Amino acid sequence: MIENTEKQIETVLDKVRPFLQREGGDVEYIGFKDGIVYVKMVGACEGCAYVDQDISAGVEIILMEEVPGVIKCDASGVYPQDVMNQYLARKEEALKNKESKD
């Protein structure tokens, strides 16, 4: 169930990503736990004064409308340890796959 939810979350983030990229930013999916989608804003969005507004008025609303079970989107940079561990494991796996292709 969580794997399906994560795919839905990634699909929604892919929909909003072009709007953020147009301004030089982007959003990176960190993880999902207890109804909360954890993301990291990168590029021009990182440290932007409007990041909280972009998350709550844009990304969060779309996620809550399109993905059952999502109640919040958190870009605070504070992540539960298990969510961070899963994120790091995914990054490590992606790096290994990239290296094996090269």
Protein backbone atom coordinates (compact mmCIF):
# COMPACT_ATOMS: atom_id res chain seq x y z
CA MET A 1 0.00 0.00 0.00
CA ILE A 2 2.76 2.48 0.92
CA GLU A 3 4.66 1.66 -2.28
CA ASN A 4 1.56 2.53 -4.35
CA THR A 5 1.07 5.74 -2.37
CA GLU A 6 4.70 6.69 -2.96
CA LYS A 7 4.26 6.18 -6.71
CA GLN A 8 1.20 8.44 -6.63
CA ILE A 9 3.16 11.06 -4.69
CA GLU A 10 6.01 10.96 -7.21
CA THR A 11 3.50 11.31 -10.07
CA VAL A 12 1.97 14.41 -8.47
CA LEU A 13 5.41 15.91 -7.77
CA ASP A 14 6.28 15.34 -11.43
CA LYS A 15 3.21 17.41 -12.33
CA VAL A 16 4.23 20.41 -10.20
CA ARG A 17 7.96 20.14 -10.86
CA PRO A 18 7.90 22.10 -14.18
CA PHE A 19 6.38 25.13 -12.44
CA LEU A 20 9.15 25.12 -9.85
CA GLN A 21 11.85 24.48 -12.43
CA ARG A 22 10.66 27.44 -14.48
CA GLU A 23 11.79 29.61 -11.54
CA GLY A 24 15.08 27.73 -11.12
CA GLY A 25 13.95 25.46 -8.30
CA ASP A 26 12.75 21.93 -7.78
CA VAL A 27 11.28 19.59 -5.19
CA GLU A 28 12.87 16.33 -4.08
CA TYR A 29 10.80 13.54 -2.53
CA ILE A 30 12.25 12.37 0.79
CA GLY A 31 9.56 10.04 2.11
CA PHE A 32 6.05 9.43 3.41
CA LYS A 33 4.97 8.55 6.94
CA ASP A 34 1.76 8.89 8.93
CA GLY A 35 0.06 10.92 6.20
CA ILE A 36 2.92 13.39 5.87
CA VAL A 37 4.89 13.79 2.65
CA TYR A 38 8.44 14.90 3.39
CA VAL A 39 10.13 16.91 0.63
CA LYS A 40 13.22 18.99 0.19
CA MET A 41 13.18 22.16 -1.86
CA VAL A 42 16.29 22.55 -4.02
CA GLY A 43 17.78 25.04 -6.43
CA ALA A 44 16.32 28.53 -6.25
CA CYS A 45 13.56 27.21 -3.96
CA GLU A 46 16.04 26.29 -1.24
CA GLY A 47 16.04 29.05 1.32
CA CYS A 48 13.48 31.12 -0.60
CA ALA A 49 11.24 33.32 1.53
CA TYR A 50 8.19 31.96 -0.30
CA VAL A 51 8.94 28.26 0.10
CA ASP A 52 6.38 27.72 2.88
CA GLN A 53 3.73 29.47 0.80
CA ASP A 54 4.63 27.43 -2.30
CA ILE A 55 4.36 24.23 -0.31
CA SER A 56 1.10 24.98 1.51
CA ALA A 57 -0.68 26.83 -1.31
CA GLY A 58 0.51 24.57 -4.12
CA VAL A 59 2.23 21.28 -3.57
CA GLU A 60 0.37 20.31 -0.39
CA ILE A 61 -3.10 21.06 -1.79
CA ILE A 62 -2.47 19.06 -4.95
CA LEU A 63 -1.04 16.12 -2.99
CA MET A 64 -4.00 16.09 -0.58
CA GLU A 65 -6.47 16.20 -3.49
CA GLU A 66 -4.82 13.54 -5.62
CA VAL A 67 -3.26 11.08 -3.16
CA PRO A 68 -5.52 9.38 -0.60
CA GLY A 69 -4.06 9.46 2.90
CA VAL A 70 -1.93 12.58 2.48
CA ILE A 71 -2.72 15.11 5.20
CA LYS A 72 0.33 17.38 5.03
CA CYS A 73 3.46 18.22 3.07
CA ASP A 74 6.53 19.08 5.13
CA ALA A 75 9.54 20.90 3.68
CA SER A 76 10.99 21.94 7.04
CA GLY A 77 14.11 19.80 6.65
CA VAL A 78 13.33 17.84 9.82
CA TYR A 79 12.71 14.21 8.92
CA PRO A 80 11.93 11.12 11.01
CA GLN A 81 14.98 8.88 11.20
CA ASP A 82 13.31 5.93 9.45
CA VAL A 83 12.18 8.18 6.59
CA MET A 84 15.73 9.50 6.20
CA ASN A 85 17.17 5.98 6.30
CA GLN A 86 14.83 4.88 3.49
CA TYR A 87 15.70 7.98 1.47
CA LEU A 88 19.43 7.36 1.85
CA ALA A 89 18.98 3.71 0.87
CA ARG A 90 17.13 4.76 -2.31
CA LYS A 91 19.88 7.27 -3.16
CA GLU A 92 22.57 4.64 -2.60
CA GLU A 93 20.72 2.14 -4.81
CA ALA A 94 20.31 4.74 -7.57
CA LEU A 95 24.03 5.51 -7.39
CA LYS A 96 24.93 1.82 -7.65
CA ASN A 97 22.62 1.41 -10.64
CA LYS A 98 24.16 4.43 -12.33
CA GLU A 99 27.69 3.17 -11.73
CA SER A 100 26.85 -0.29 -13.09
CA LYS A 101 25.49 1.29 -16.30
CA ASP A 102 28.64 3.38 -16.82
